[in-house]
Amino acid sequence: MGFWGIPIHKEVTPTNPLDTDVSTIDTIHEMIALARLSSSQPAICNVVDNLLTTLPKRPSKRELTRAIYQYVKETLPFVR
């Protein structure tokens, strides 16, 4: 289980040892897909809705990004 009890599916994909650029592109595409999937989860929508109440009526992308960054920095534990 991930944060907020959202199940995480972990899949192992072999990388291309001869062309690391291909592996990097594959990883970025996987991250984009995961972000899109996760962004519609109720827990994530709730956090964004709560953050929006603290911002101006029509926040810029920069203001919204900063608010999300601050939330993550202050709320989520990072494990090394």
N, C-alpha and C. Protein backbone atom coordinates (compact mmCIF):
# COMPACT_ATOMS: atom_id res chain seq x y z
N MET A 1 0.84 -1.18 0.00
CA MET A 1 0.00 0.00 0.00
C MET A 1 0.89 1.24 0.00
N GLY A 2 0.43 2.21 -0.74
CA GLY A 2 1.15 3.47 -0.81
C GLY A 2 0.58 4.45 0.20
N PHE A 3 0.99 5.68 0.08
CA PHE A 3 0.52 6.75 0.94
C PHE A 3 -0.99 6.88 0.80
N TRP A 4 -1.72 7.12 1.85
CA TRP A 4 -3.19 7.22 1.89
C TRP A 4 -3.86 5.90 1.58
N GLY A 5 -3.15 4.78 1.61
CA GLY A 5 -3.76 3.49 1.37
C GLY A 5 -4.04 3.18 -0.08
N ILE A 6 -3.49 3.98 -0.99
CA ILE A 6 -3.69 3.72 -2.42
C ILE A 6 -2.74 2.61 -2.84
N PRO A 7 -3.26 1.53 -3.41
CA PRO A 7 -2.38 0.43 -3.80
C PRO A 7 -1.41 0.85 -4.90
N ILE A 8 -0.20 0.36 -4.78
CA ILE A 8 0.84 0.65 -5.76
C ILE A 8 1.19 -0.64 -6.47
N HIS A 9 1.14 -0.61 -7.79
CA HIS A 9 1.54 -1.76 -8.59
C HIS A 9 2.94 -1.49 -9.11
N LYS A 10 3.86 -2.34 -8.75
CA LYS A 10 5.24 -2.16 -9.17
C LYS A 10 5.57 -3.18 -10.24
N GLU A 11 6.06 -2.68 -11.36
CA GLU A 11 6.38 -3.55 -12.47
C GLU A 11 7.85 -3.37 -12.83
N VAL A 12 8.55 -4.46 -13.05
CA VAL A 12 9.95 -4.39 -13.41
C VAL A 12 10.07 -4.51 -14.93
N THR A 13 10.71 -3.52 -15.52
CA THR A 13 10.91 -3.52 -16.96
C THR A 13 12.41 -3.49 -17.22
N PRO A 14 12.92 -4.45 -17.97
CA PRO A 14 14.36 -4.44 -18.24
C PRO A 14 14.76 -3.21 -19.05
N THR A 15 15.92 -2.67 -18.75
CA THR A 15 16.41 -1.50 -19.48
C THR A 15 17.28 -1.94 -20.64
N ASN A 16 17.58 -1.00 -21.49
CA ASN A 16 18.41 -1.27 -22.65
C ASN A 16 19.86 -0.91 -22.30
N PRO A 17 20.72 -1.90 -22.06
CA PRO A 17 22.09 -1.59 -21.64
C PRO A 17 22.94 -0.95 -22.75
N LEU A 18 22.49 -1.04 -23.98
CA LEU A 18 23.26 -0.49 -25.09
C LEU A 18 22.86 0.95 -25.44
N ASP A 19 21.70 1.38 -24.98
CA ASP A 19 21.22 2.73 -25.28
C ASP A 19 20.46 3.28 -24.08
N THR A 20 21.18 3.98 -23.21
CA THR A 20 20.54 4.48 -21.99
C THR A 20 19.51 5.57 -22.28
N ASP A 21 19.61 6.24 -23.43
CA ASP A 21 18.60 7.25 -23.78
C ASP A 21 17.23 6.60 -23.93
N VAL A 22 17.18 5.42 -24.53
CA VAL A 22 15.92 4.70 -24.68
C VAL A 22 15.36 4.35 -23.32
N SER A 23 16.21 3.89 -22.42
CA SER A 23 15.77 3.54 -21.07
C SER A 23 15.25 4.77 -20.33
N THR A 24 15.92 5.90 -20.51
CA THR A 24 15.47 7.14 -19.86
C THR A 24 14.11 7.56 -20.39
N ILE A 25 13.93 7.50 -21.69
CA ILE A 25 12.63 7.85 -22.29
C ILE A 25 11.54 6.91 -21.79
N ASP A 26 11.84 5.62 -21.72
CA ASP A 26 10.87 4.65 -21.20
C ASP A 26 10.48 5.00 -19.77
N THR A 27 11.46 5.36 -18.95
CA THR A 27 11.19 5.70 -17.56
C THR A 27 10.31 6.96 -17.47
N ILE A 28 10.62 7.96 -18.26
CA ILE A 28 9.82 9.19 -18.25
C ILE A 28 8.39 8.91 -18.65
N HIS A 29 8.19 8.09 -19.67
CA HIS A 29 6.82 7.74 -20.09
C HIS A 29 6.08 6.98 -18.99
N GLU A 30 6.77 6.10 -18.28
CA GLU A 30 6.15 5.39 -17.16
C GLU A 30 5.75 6.37 -16.06
N MET A 31 6.62 7.34 -15.78
CA MET A 31 6.33 8.32 -14.74
C MET A 31 5.13 9.19 -15.13
N ILE A 32 5.05 9.59 -16.38
CA ILE A 32 3.91 10.39 -16.86
C ILE A 32 2.62 9.60 -16.71
N ALA A 33 2.65 8.33 -17.11
CA ALA A 33 1.45 7.49 -17.01
C ALA A 33 1.02 7.34 -15.54
N LEU A 34 1.98 7.13 -14.66
CA LEU A 34 1.66 6.98 -13.24
C LEU A 34 1.09 8.28 -12.66
N ALA A 35 1.67 9.41 -13.04
CA ALA A 35 1.17 10.70 -12.56
C ALA A 35 -0.26 10.94 -13.03
N ARG A 36 -0.53 10.63 -14.29
CA ARG A 36 -1.90 10.82 -14.81
C ARG A 36 -2.89 9.91 -14.10
N LEU A 37 -2.50 8.68 -13.88
CA LEU A 37 -3.38 7.73 -13.20
C LEU A 37 -3.64 8.18 -11.75
N SER A 38 -2.59 8.56 -11.07
CA SER A 38 -2.70 8.93 -9.66
C SER A 38 -3.43 10.26 -9.47
N SER A 39 -3.34 11.16 -10.44
CA SER A 39 -3.92 12.49 -10.27
C SER A 39 -5.44 12.47 -10.16
N SER A 40 -6.05 11.38 -10.59
CA SER A 40 -7.51 11.31 -10.50
C SER A 40 -7.99 10.59 -9.23
N GLN A 41 -7.06 10.16 -8.40
CA GLN A 41 -7.42 9.49 -7.15
C GLN A 41 -8.08 10.50 -6.20
N PRO A 42 -9.11 10.09 -5.47
CA PRO A 42 -9.80 11.01 -4.55
C PRO A 42 -8.88 11.68 -3.55
N ALA A 43 -7.91 10.97 -3.03
CA ALA A 43 -7.01 11.57 -2.03
C ALA A 43 -6.21 12.72 -2.64
N ILE A 44 -5.75 12.54 -3.86
CA ILE A 44 -4.97 13.59 -4.53
C ILE A 44 -5.88 14.78 -4.86
N CYS A 45 -7.07 14.50 -5.37
CA CYS A 45 -8.03 15.57 -5.68
C CYS A 45 -8.37 16.38 -4.43
N ASN A 46 -8.51 15.71 -3.30
CA ASN A 46 -8.82 16.38 -2.04
C ASN A 46 -7.69 17.32 -1.63
N VAL A 47 -6.46 16.87 -1.75
CA VAL A 47 -5.31 17.71 -1.40
C VAL A 47 -5.28 18.94 -2.30
N VAL A 48 -5.44 18.75 -3.59
CA VAL A 48 -5.42 19.88 -4.53
C VAL A 48 -6.56 20.84 -4.23
N ASP A 49 -7.74 20.32 -3.96
CA ASP A 49 -8.88 21.19 -3.62
C ASP A 49 -8.57 22.02 -2.37
N ASN A 50 -7.98 21.38 -1.36
CA ASN A 50 -7.63 22.10 -0.14
C ASN A 50 -6.57 23.17 -0.41
N LEU A 51 -5.58 22.84 -1.25
CA LEU A 51 -4.56 23.83 -1.58
C LEU A 51 -5.16 25.02 -2.33
N LEU A 52 -6.11 24.75 -3.20
CA LEU A 52 -6.72 25.83 -3.98
C LEU A 52 -7.44 26.84 -3.10
N THR A 53 -7.95 26.39 -1.95
CA THR A 53 -8.64 27.32 -1.06
C THR A 53 -7.67 28.31 -0.42
N THR A 54 -6.37 27.99 -0.41
CA THR A 54 -5.38 28.87 0.20
C THR A 54 -4.76 29.83 -0.81
N LEU A 55 -5.10 29.69 -2.08
CA LEU A 55 -4.49 30.49 -3.14
C LEU A 55 -5.48 31.54 -3.66
N PRO A 56 -4.96 32.51 -4.42
CA PRO A 56 -5.86 33.49 -5.04
C PRO A 56 -6.89 32.79 -5.93
N LYS A 57 -7.95 33.53 -6.30
CA LYS A 57 -9.05 32.92 -7.06
C LYS A 57 -8.59 32.24 -8.34
N ARG A 58 -7.71 32.85 -9.09
CA ARG A 58 -7.18 32.25 -10.32
C ARG A 58 -5.66 32.16 -10.21
N PRO A 59 -5.15 31.15 -9.50
CA PRO A 59 -3.70 31.08 -9.29
C PRO A 59 -2.96 30.79 -10.59
N SER A 60 -1.75 31.31 -10.68
CA SER A 60 -0.90 30.99 -11.83
C SER A 60 -0.37 29.56 -11.66
N LYS A 61 0.17 29.02 -12.72
CA LYS A 61 0.77 27.68 -12.63
C LYS A 61 1.90 27.69 -11.62
N ARG A 62 2.64 28.78 -11.57
CA ARG A 62 3.76 28.89 -10.62
C ARG A 62 3.25 28.86 -9.17
N GLU A 63 2.18 29.61 -8.89
CA GLU A 63 1.62 29.62 -7.53
C GLU A 63 1.11 28.24 -7.13
N LEU A 64 0.43 27.59 -8.05
CA LEU A 64 -0.09 26.25 -7.77
C LEU A 64 1.06 25.26 -7.57
N THR A 65 2.07 25.35 -8.41
CA THR A 65 3.23 24.46 -8.29
C THR A 65 3.94 24.67 -6.96
N ARG A 66 4.11 25.91 -6.57
CA ARG A 66 4.76 26.20 -5.28
C ARG A 66 3.95 25.66 -4.11
N ALA A 67 2.64 25.81 -4.18
CA ALA A 67 1.77 25.32 -3.10
C ALA A 67 1.88 23.80 -2.99
N ILE A 68 1.87 23.11 -4.12
CA ILE A 68 2.00 21.65 -4.10
C ILE A 68 3.37 21.25 -3.57
N TYR A 69 4.41 21.94 -4.02
CA TYR A 69 5.77 21.64 -3.55
C TYR A 69 5.86 21.81 -2.03
N GLN A 70 5.33 22.93 -1.53
CA GLN A 70 5.38 23.18 -0.08
C GLN A 70 4.61 22.10 0.68
N TYR A 71 3.46 21.71 0.14
CA TYR A 71 2.67 20.66 0.79
C TYR A 71 3.47 19.37 0.88
N VAL A 72 4.05 18.97 -0.23
CA VAL A 72 4.83 17.73 -0.26
C VAL A 72 6.01 17.83 0.69
N LYS A 73 6.71 18.94 0.65
CA LYS A 73 7.89 19.14 1.50
C LYS A 73 7.54 19.08 2.99
N GLU A 74 6.40 19.65 3.36
CA GLU A 74 6.01 19.73 4.76
C GLU A 74 5.25 18.51 5.25
N THR A 75 4.68 17.73 4.35
CA THR A 75 3.75 16.68 4.76
C THR A 75 4.28 15.26 4.56
N LEU A 76 4.86 15.00 3.43
CA LEU A 76 5.25 13.63 3.10
C LEU A 76 6.64 13.30 3.63
N PRO A 77 6.78 12.15 4.27
CA PRO A 77 8.10 11.73 4.73
C PRO A 77 8.90 11.16 3.56
N PHE A 78 10.17 11.50 3.52
CA PHE A 78 11.05 10.95 2.49
C PHE A 78 12.00 9.97 3.16
N VAL A 79 12.12 8.81 2.58
CA VAL A 79 12.96 7.75 3.13
C VAL A 79 14.17 7.59 2.24
N ARG A 80 15.31 7.51 2.86
CA ARG A 80 16.54 7.31 2.08
C ARG A 80 16.97 5.88 2.14
